[in-house]
Amino acid sequence: MEWRIIRLTEVSSTNDYAREIAEDVPEGTVVVAKRQTSGRGRKGRNWASPEGGLWMTAILKPRSSPEHVPKLVFIGALAVVDTLARYGIPAEIKWPNDVLVDGRKIAGILSECKLNSFALLGIGLNVNNRVPEELRDSAVSMAELLGGEPEVERVLDALLRSLSYWYSLFKSGRHGEILRSVRTRSAVIGKDVVILEDGEIVIRGRAVGIDDSGALLVDTGESVERVLYGDVSLRFP
C-alpha cells in the first residue's frame, strides 16, 4: 500500500476530516493531526488527544462484501500490537477495538464506513502525550513504558508498514488469518467478563472465543452467547 499523508496541526477529529475528503482522494490517504479538539471513540465517547500522541485516520476503499467491513477494526488493532512489539512492548487486544498493556489502555481504534464507497480506520495511540491523572490506573503511554520519548514519526512509519500487511490480507480475503491472529492476541478470551449496554449489564460469563464473523463468544453457564456489540468489562479474580 502506498500511503499519502496529510499532516494537520489541529483538527476536531481526524475521522471527521477524512470523511469530508474521502470520496475525492485515493485509497491510502492518511490524515494525521498533532492534536484533536474533539477526538472520539466508540459511541461518540471523548478521547483525550493532546500533542505528543499519534492521532490518525486511514481512508480505505475495500471491495469486500458488507459482512467483512466490520473486521477492519481488527487490522487496526493488530497493526498497533505489531508496532508496540517493535518497541519491546507486549500488548493485547480487548475486543473489539482497544489495545491494552498490562490491563491499561494504550490505543483505541474507530472504524466507520459508507457502504460501497469508503471506510475510515481511525487510530489513537498514546505515544508521548501525558495521560490525565484520573486515568493513570486505566491508561498508559509508550513514553511511560519505555522511560523515554520515541519519535512519533517513526512510530507512524512502523504502524503504516504493519497496517499495509494486514490490509493486504483483508483485501485478498484472508479473513481467517486475521481472526486467528486476533484470537492469539486477545486480552479477553479465557477471562470472566461482563457485557454492558448503556451502562447496564446484559451478559455475564466467560469469554471463550471469537467466531468467524468477528463476534465475541461468551459462555454464561447456560448458553454461549454471540456478542456483536457492547462494552466488555474484564473481571479479574
C-alpha atoms as a PDB file:
ATOM      1  CA  MET A   1       0.000   0.000   0.000  1.00  0.00           C
ATOM      2  CA  GLU A   2       1.287   3.438  -0.922  1.00  0.00           C
ATOM      3  CA  TRP A   3       0.288   5.919   1.771  1.00  0.00           C
ATOM      4  CA  ARG A   4      -0.305   9.619   1.103  1.00  0.00           C
ATOM      5  CA  ILE A   5      -0.121  11.587   4.351  1.00  0.00           C
ATOM      6  CA  ILE A   6      -1.974  14.803   5.069  1.00  0.00           C
ATOM      7  CA  ARG A   7      -0.460  16.474   8.143  1.00  0.00           C
ATOM      8  CA  LEU A   8      -2.515  18.862  10.259  1.00  0.00           C
ATOM      9  CA  THR A   9      -1.615  20.816  13.363  1.00  0.00           C
ATOM     10  CA  GLU A  10      -5.086  20.715  14.872  1.00  0.00           C
ATOM     11  CA  VAL A  11      -8.420  19.263  13.838  1.00  0.00           C
ATOM     12  CA  SER A  12     -11.697  18.447  15.527  1.00  0.00           C
ATOM     13  CA  SER A  13     -11.102  14.779  14.740  1.00  0.00           C
ATOM     14  CA  THR A  14      -9.144  13.047  12.014  1.00  0.00           C
ATOM     15  CA  ASN A  15     -12.140  10.826  11.221  1.00  0.00           C
ATOM     16  CA  ASP A  16     -14.349  13.884  10.662  1.00  0.00           C
ATOM     17  CA  TYR A  17     -11.768  15.492   8.390  1.00  0.00           C
ATOM     18  CA  ALA A  18     -11.203  12.243   6.492  1.00  0.00           C
ATOM     19  CA  ARG A  19     -14.935  11.755   5.957  1.00  0.00           C
ATOM     20  CA  GLU A  20     -15.196  15.155   4.267  1.00  0.00           C
ATOM     21  CA  ILE A  21     -12.490  14.330   1.706  1.00  0.00           C
ATOM     22  CA  ALA A  22     -12.811  10.538   1.406  1.00  0.00           C
ATOM     23  CA  GLU A  23     -14.737  10.408  -1.864  1.00  0.00           C
ATOM     24  CA  ASP A  24     -12.318  12.790  -3.574  1.00  0.00           C
ATOM     25  CA  VAL A  25      -8.961  11.290  -2.607  1.00  0.00           C
ATOM     26  CA  PRO A  26      -7.300   7.967  -3.432  1.00  0.00           C
ATOM     27  CA  GLU A  27      -7.258   4.971  -1.164  1.00  0.00           C
ATOM     28  CA  GLY A  28      -4.303   5.116   1.195  1.00  0.00           C
ATOM     29  CA  THR A  29      -4.737   8.768   2.093  1.00  0.00           C
ATOM     30  CA  VAL A  30      -3.911   9.184   5.786  1.00  0.00           C
ATOM     31  CA  VAL A  31      -4.913  12.166   7.911  1.00  0.00           C
ATOM     32  CA  VAL A  32      -2.540  12.800  10.825  1.00  0.00           C
ATOM     33  CA  ALA A  33      -3.010  15.578  13.377  1.00  0.00           C
ATOM     34  CA  LYS A  34      -0.767  16.788  16.194  1.00  0.00           C
ATOM     35  CA  ARG A  35      -3.867  17.220  18.339  1.00  0.00           C
ATOM     36  CA  GLN A  36      -7.626  16.729  18.157  1.00  0.00           C
ATOM     37  CA  THR A  37     -10.063  19.049  19.865  1.00  0.00           C
ATOM     38  CA  SER A  38     -12.999  16.620  19.666  1.00  0.00           C
ATOM     39  CA  GLY A  39     -11.378  13.216  19.398  1.00  0.00           C
ATOM     40  CA  ARG A  40     -13.802  10.388  19.991  1.00  0.00           C
ATOM     41  CA  GLY A  41     -14.026   6.676  20.422  1.00  0.00           C
ATOM     42  CA  ARG A  42     -16.890   4.228  20.055  1.00  0.00           C
ATOM     43  CA  LYS A  43     -20.383   5.553  20.732  1.00  0.00           C
ATOM     44  CA  GLY A  44     -19.102   9.123  20.450  1.00  0.00           C
ATOM     45  CA  ARG A  45     -17.126   8.971  23.694  1.00  0.00           C
ATOM     46  CA  ASN A  46     -14.498  11.647  24.201  1.00  0.00           C
ATOM     47  CA  TRP A  47     -10.893  10.608  23.550  1.00  0.00           C
ATOM     48  CA  ALA A  48      -8.249  12.916  25.022  1.00  0.00           C
ATOM     49  CA  SER A  49      -5.930  13.778  22.109  1.00  0.00           C
ATOM     50  CA  PRO A  50      -3.251  16.292  23.138  1.00  0.00           C
ATOM     51  CA  GLU A  51       0.020  16.911  21.333  1.00  0.00           C
ATOM     52  CA  GLY A  52       2.503  14.071  21.664  1.00  0.00           C
ATOM     53  CA  GLY A  53       0.143  11.253  20.720  1.00  0.00           C
ATOM     54  CA  LEU A  54      -0.417   9.658  17.327  1.00  0.00           C
ATOM     55  CA  TRP A  55      -3.870  10.595  16.037  1.00  0.00           C
ATOM     56  CA  MET A  56      -4.611   9.368  12.522  1.00  0.00           C
ATOM     57  CA  THR A  57      -7.239   8.101  10.117  1.00  0.00           C
ATOM     58  CA  ALA A  58      -6.573   5.946   7.064  1.00  0.00           C
ATOM     59  CA  ILE A  59      -9.001   6.197   4.157  1.00  0.00           C
ATOM     60  CA  LEU A  60      -9.579   2.736   2.689  1.00  0.00           C
ATOM     61  CA  LYS A  61     -11.695   1.639  -0.249  1.00  0.00           C
ATOM     62  CA  PRO A  62     -12.036  -2.139   0.022  1.00  0.00           C
ATOM     63  CA  ARG A  63     -14.133  -4.101  -2.438  1.00  0.00           C
ATOM     64  CA  SER A  64     -15.246  -6.544   0.234  1.00  0.00           C
ATOM     65  CA  SER A  65     -18.804  -7.664   0.847  1.00  0.00           C
ATOM     66  CA  PRO A  66     -20.503  -5.705   3.661  1.00  0.00           C
ATOM     67  CA  GLU A  67     -20.287  -8.504   6.226  1.00  0.00           C
ATOM     68  CA  HIS A  68     -16.475  -8.278   6.237  1.00  0.00           C
ATOM     69  CA  VAL A  69     -16.169  -4.497   6.660  1.00  0.00           C
ATOM     70  CA  PRO A  70     -16.555  -4.620  10.490  1.00  0.00           C
ATOM     71  CA  LYS A  71     -13.369  -6.720  10.616  1.00  0.00           C
ATOM     72  CA  LEU A  72     -11.348  -3.651   9.587  1.00  0.00           C
ATOM     73  CA  VAL A  73     -11.188  -2.652  13.260  1.00  0.00           C
ATOM     74  CA  PHE A  74      -9.176  -5.822  13.880  1.00  0.00           C
ATOM     75  CA  ILE A  75      -6.486  -4.984  11.324  1.00  0.00           C
ATOM     76  CA  GLY A  76      -6.040  -1.614  13.003  1.00  0.00           C
ATOM     77  CA  ALA A  77      -5.636  -3.269  16.395  1.00  0.00           C
ATOM     78  CA  LEU A  78      -3.209  -5.864  15.009  1.00  0.00           C
ATOM     79  CA  ALA A  79      -1.110  -3.123  13.399  1.00  0.00           C
ATOM     80  CA  VAL A  80      -0.864  -1.339  16.749  1.00  0.00           C
ATOM     81  CA  VAL A  81       0.113  -4.548  18.564  1.00  0.00           C
ATOM     82  CA  ASP A  82       2.822  -5.218  15.955  1.00  0.00           C
ATOM     83  CA  THR A  83       4.124  -1.660  16.258  1.00  0.00           C
ATOM     84  CA  LEU A  84       4.351  -1.842  20.028  1.00  0.00           C
ATOM     85  CA  ALA A  85       6.165  -5.169  19.752  1.00  0.00           C
ATOM     86  CA  ARG A  86       8.858  -3.445  17.667  1.00  0.00           C
ATOM     87  CA  TYR A  87       9.498  -1.278  20.723  1.00  0.00           C
ATOM     88  CA  GLY A  88       9.558  -4.259  23.063  1.00  0.00           C
ATOM     89  CA  ILE A  89       6.086  -3.552  24.455  1.00  0.00           C
ATOM     90  CA  PRO A  90       3.832  -6.634  24.684  1.00  0.00           C
ATOM     91  CA  ALA A  91       0.208  -5.705  24.068  1.00  0.00           C
ATOM     92  CA  GLU A  92      -3.155  -7.422  23.709  1.00  0.00           C
ATOM     93  CA  ILE A  93      -6.471  -6.670  22.019  1.00  0.00           C
ATOM     94  CA  LYS A  94      -9.529  -6.071  24.144  1.00  0.00           C
ATOM     95  CA  TRP A  95     -12.433  -6.945  21.859  1.00  0.00           C
ATOM     96  CA  PRO A  96     -13.382  -5.224  19.712  1.00  0.00           C
ATOM     97  CA  ASN A  97     -11.261  -2.098  19.438  1.00  0.00           C
ATOM     98  CA  ASP A  98      -8.916  -1.381  22.355  1.00  0.00           C
ATOM     99  CA  VAL A  99      -5.253  -2.244  22.770  1.00  0.00           C
ATOM    100  CA  LEU A 100      -4.060  -2.884  26.322  1.00  0.00           C
ATOM    101  CA  VAL A 101      -0.694  -3.211  28.026  1.00  0.00           C
ATOM    102  CA  ASP A 102      -0.922  -4.965  31.392  1.00  0.00           C
ATOM    103  CA  GLY A 103      -4.616  -4.134  31.510  1.00  0.00           C
ATOM    104  CA  ARG A 104      -4.157  -0.432  30.744  1.00  0.00           C
ATOM    105  CA  LYS A 105      -5.375   1.142  27.516  1.00  0.00           C
ATOM    106  CA  ILE A 106      -2.703   2.454  25.191  1.00  0.00           C
ATOM    107  CA  ALA A 107      -4.700   2.714  21.952  1.00  0.00           C
ATOM    108  CA  GLY A 108      -8.202   2.729  20.554  1.00  0.00           C
ATOM    109  CA  ILE A 109      -9.489   2.023  17.061  1.00  0.00           C
ATOM    110  CA  LEU A 110     -12.569   3.582  15.467  1.00  0.00           C
ATOM    111  CA  SER A 111     -13.814   2.281  12.120  1.00  0.00           C
ATOM    112  CA  GLU A 112     -16.615   3.917  10.173  1.00  0.00           C
ATOM    113  CA  CYS A 113     -17.804   3.331   6.641  1.00  0.00           C
ATOM    114  CA  LYS A 114     -20.020   4.430   3.807  1.00  0.00           C
ATOM    115  CA  LEU A 115     -21.040   1.230   2.077  1.00  0.00           C
ATOM    116  CA  ASN A 116     -19.760   0.795  -1.478  1.00  0.00           C
ATOM    117  CA  SER A 117     -17.702   3.958  -1.139  1.00  0.00           C
ATOM    118  CA  PHE A 118     -15.062   4.137   1.602  1.00  0.00           C
ATOM    119  CA  ALA A 119     -14.058   3.060   5.082  1.00  0.00           C
ATOM    120  CA  LEU A 120     -12.299   5.133   7.716  1.00  0.00           C
ATOM    121  CA  LEU A 121      -9.876   3.483  10.109  1.00  0.00           C
ATOM    122  CA  GLY A 122      -9.102   5.850  12.957  1.00  0.00           C
ATOM    123  CA  ILE A 123      -6.266   5.020  15.340  1.00  0.00           C
ATOM    124  CA  GLY A 124      -5.392   6.866  18.521  1.00  0.00           C
ATOM    125  CA  LEU A 125      -2.131   5.744  20.142  1.00  0.00           C
ATOM    126  CA  ASN A 126      -0.699   7.226  23.331  1.00  0.00           C
ATOM    127  CA  VAL A 127       2.930   7.870  22.410  1.00  0.00           C
ATOM    128  CA  ASN A 128       4.408  10.849  24.288  1.00  0.00           C
ATOM    129  CA  ASN A 129       1.218  12.536  25.438  1.00  0.00           C
ATOM    130  CA  ARG A 130       0.684  12.786  29.170  1.00  0.00           C
ATOM    131  CA  VAL A 131      -2.120  10.555  30.418  1.00  0.00           C
ATOM    132  CA  PRO A 132      -4.553  12.541  32.615  1.00  0.00           C
ATOM    133  CA  GLU A 133      -4.045  11.871  36.318  1.00  0.00           C
ATOM    134  CA  GLU A 134      -7.543  10.481  36.737  1.00  0.00           C
ATOM    135  CA  LEU A 135      -6.874   7.873  34.027  1.00  0.00           C
ATOM    136  CA  ARG A 136      -3.435   6.685  35.118  1.00  0.00           C
ATOM    137  CA  ASP A 137      -4.799   3.445  36.582  1.00  0.00           C
ATOM    138  CA  SER A 138      -6.545   2.565  33.319  1.00  0.00           C
ATOM    139  CA  ALA A 139      -4.389   4.148  30.592  1.00  0.00           C
ATOM    140  CA  VAL A 140      -0.717   4.340  29.709  1.00  0.00           C
ATOM    141  CA  SER A 141       1.625   5.808  27.065  1.00  0.00           C
ATOM    142  CA  MET A 142       4.619   4.436  25.188  1.00  0.00           C
ATOM    143  CA  ALA A 143       6.855   7.060  26.802  1.00  0.00           C
ATOM    144  CA  GLU A 144       5.884   5.913  30.282  1.00  0.00           C
ATOM    145  CA  LEU A 145       6.570   2.287  29.427  1.00  0.00           C
ATOM    146  CA  LEU A 146       9.868   2.990  27.652  1.00  0.00           C
ATOM    147  CA  GLY A 147      11.184   5.560  30.104  1.00  0.00           C
ATOM    148  CA  GLY A 148      11.810   7.931  27.198  1.00  0.00           C
ATOM    149  CA  GLU A 149      10.070   9.523  24.251  1.00  0.00           C
ATOM    150  CA  PRO A 150      10.102   7.687  20.902  1.00  0.00           C
ATOM    151  CA  GLU A 151       9.841   9.738  17.718  1.00  0.00           C
ATOM    152  CA  VAL A 152       6.195   9.932  16.706  1.00  0.00           C
ATOM    153  CA  GLU A 153       7.150   9.877  13.019  1.00  0.00           C
ATOM    154  CA  ARG A 154       8.991   6.584  13.440  1.00  0.00           C
ATOM    155  CA  VAL A 155       6.038   5.127  15.304  1.00  0.00           C
ATOM    156  CA  LEU A 156       3.764   6.246  12.454  1.00  0.00           C
ATOM    157  CA  ASP A 157       6.074   4.676   9.866  1.00  0.00           C
ATOM    158  CA  ALA A 158       6.103   1.351  11.717  1.00  0.00           C
ATOM    159  CA  LEU A 159       2.335   1.444  12.149  1.00  0.00           C
ATOM    160  CA  LEU A 160       1.671   2.093   8.460  1.00  0.00           C
ATOM    161  CA  ARG A 161       4.043  -0.690   7.405  1.00  0.00           C
ATOM    162  CA  SER A 162       2.192  -3.139   9.630  1.00  0.00           C
ATOM    163  CA  LEU A 163      -1.185  -1.813   8.518  1.00  0.00           C
ATOM    164  CA  SER A 164      -0.154  -2.405   4.886  1.00  0.00           C
ATOM    165  CA  TYR A 165       0.478  -6.053   5.673  1.00  0.00           C
ATOM    166  CA  TRP A 166      -2.811  -6.674   7.473  1.00  0.00           C
ATOM    167  CA  TYR A 167      -4.839  -4.729   4.916  1.00  0.00           C
ATOM    168  CA  SER A 168      -3.289  -6.792   2.111  1.00  0.00           C
ATOM    169  CA  LEU A 169      -4.604  -9.909   3.861  1.00  0.00           C
ATOM    170  CA  PHE A 170      -8.017  -8.297   4.252  1.00  0.00           C
ATOM    171  CA  LYS A 171      -8.225  -7.342   0.570  1.00  0.00           C
ATOM    172  CA  SER A 172      -7.207 -10.817  -0.546  1.00  0.00           C
ATOM    173  CA  GLY A 173      -9.992 -12.375   1.521  1.00  0.00           C
ATOM    174  CA  ARG A 174      -7.726 -13.979   4.119  1.00  0.00           C
ATOM    175  CA  HIS A 175     -10.078 -13.077   6.956  1.00  0.00           C
ATOM    176  CA  GLY A 176      -9.441 -16.358   8.736  1.00  0.00           C
ATOM    177  CA  GLU A 177      -5.777 -15.472   9.212  1.00  0.00           C
ATOM    178  CA  ILE A 178      -6.733 -12.082  10.601  1.00  0.00           C
ATOM    179  CA  LEU A 179      -9.176 -13.604  13.080  1.00  0.00           C
ATOM    180  CA  ARG A 180      -6.699 -16.263  14.175  1.00  0.00           C
ATOM    181  CA  SER A 181      -4.183 -13.531  14.939  1.00  0.00           C
ATOM    182  CA  VAL A 182      -6.777 -11.568  16.897  1.00  0.00           C
ATOM    183  CA  ARG A 183      -7.597 -14.668  18.953  1.00  0.00           C
ATOM    184  CA  THR A 184      -3.957 -15.319  19.828  1.00  0.00           C
ATOM    185  CA  ARG A 185      -3.502 -11.689  20.891  1.00  0.00           C
ATOM    186  CA  SER A 186      -6.797 -11.440  22.765  1.00  0.00           C
ATOM    187  CA  ALA A 187      -6.936  -9.900  26.242  1.00  0.00           C
ATOM    188  CA  VAL A 188     -10.396 -11.326  26.902  1.00  0.00           C
ATOM    189  CA  ILE A 189     -10.527 -14.955  25.743  1.00  0.00           C
ATOM    190  CA  GLY A 190     -10.462 -17.190  28.793  1.00  0.00           C
ATOM    191  CA  LYS A 191     -11.376 -14.313  31.127  1.00  0.00           C
ATOM    192  CA  ASP A 192     -14.536 -13.585  33.080  1.00  0.00           C
ATOM    193  CA  VAL A 193     -16.319 -10.636  31.511  1.00  0.00           C
ATOM    194  CA  VAL A 194     -19.474  -8.603  31.707  1.00  0.00           C
ATOM    195  CA  ILE A 195     -21.046  -7.079  28.609  1.00  0.00           C
ATOM    196  CA  LEU A 196     -22.541  -3.644  29.132  1.00  0.00           C
ATOM    197  CA  GLU A 197     -25.043  -1.697  27.052  1.00  0.00           C
ATOM    198  CA  ASP A 198     -25.747   1.860  28.144  1.00  0.00           C
ATOM    199  CA  GLY A 199     -24.080   1.074  31.449  1.00  0.00           C
ATOM    200  CA  GLU A 200     -26.312  -1.907  32.185  1.00  0.00           C
ATOM    201  CA  ILE A 201     -25.030  -5.482  32.431  1.00  0.00           C
ATOM    202  CA  VAL A 202     -26.686  -7.571  29.721  1.00  0.00           C
ATOM    203  CA  ILE A 203     -24.423 -10.636  29.710  1.00  0.00           C
ATOM    204  CA  ARG A 204     -22.166 -12.106  32.355  1.00  0.00           C
ATOM    205  CA  GLY A 205     -19.875 -15.068  31.756  1.00  0.00           C
ATOM    206  CA  ARG A 206     -16.541 -16.252  30.402  1.00  0.00           C
ATOM    207  CA  ALA A 207     -15.221 -15.173  27.008  1.00  0.00           C
ATOM    208  CA  VAL A 208     -14.462 -18.408  25.168  1.00  0.00           C
ATOM    209  CA  GLY A 209     -13.680 -17.269  21.653  1.00  0.00           C
ATOM    210  CA  ILE A 210     -14.237 -15.041  18.648  1.00  0.00           C
ATOM    211  CA  ASP A 211     -16.213 -16.599  15.807  1.00  0.00           C
ATOM    212  CA  ASP A 212     -15.580 -16.278  12.084  1.00  0.00           C
ATOM    213  CA  SER A 213     -17.827 -13.220  11.825  1.00  0.00           C
ATOM    214  CA  GLY A 214     -15.788 -11.421  14.498  1.00  0.00           C
ATOM    215  CA  ALA A 215     -18.419 -11.788  17.241  1.00  0.00           C
ATOM    216  CA  LEU A 216     -17.262 -12.432  20.806  1.00  0.00           C
ATOM    217  CA  LEU A 217     -18.476 -15.728  22.278  1.00  0.00           C
ATOM    218  CA  VAL A 218     -19.421 -15.646  25.953  1.00  0.00           C
ATOM    219  CA  ASP A 219     -20.315 -18.761  27.946  1.00  0.00           C
ATOM    220  CA  THR A 220     -22.893 -17.761  30.555  1.00  0.00           C
ATOM    221  CA  GLY A 221     -23.045 -21.212  32.091  1.00  0.00           C
ATOM    222  CA  GLU A 222     -26.395 -21.817  30.448  1.00  0.00           C
ATOM    223  CA  SER A 223     -25.590 -20.996  26.842  1.00  0.00           C
ATOM    224  CA  VAL A 224     -22.905 -19.493  24.614  1.00  0.00           C
ATOM    225  CA  GLU A 225     -23.952 -16.013  23.531  1.00  0.00           C
ATOM    226  CA  ARG A 226     -22.716 -14.229  20.397  1.00  0.00           C
ATOM    227  CA  VAL A 227     -21.874 -10.621  21.213  1.00  0.00           C
ATOM    228  CA  LEU A 228     -21.924  -8.336  18.183  1.00  0.00           C
ATOM    229  CA  TYR A 229     -21.626  -5.036  20.024  1.00  0.00           C
ATOM    230  CA  GLY A 230     -21.393  -3.690  23.553  1.00  0.00           C
ATOM    231  CA  ASP A 231     -18.699  -2.752  26.047  1.00  0.00           C
ATOM    232  CA  VAL A 232     -16.580  -5.518  27.527  1.00  0.00           C
ATOM    233  CA  SER A 233     -15.529  -5.195  31.152  1.00  0.00           C
ATOM    234  CA  LEU A 234     -12.908  -7.621  32.380  1.00  0.00           C
ATOM    235  CA  ARG A 235     -13.363  -9.076  35.819  1.00  0.00           C
ATOM    236  CA  PHE A 236     -10.042 -10.343  37.071  1.00  0.00           C
ATOM    237  CA  PRO A 237     -10.164 -12.761  40.022  1.00  0.00           C
END
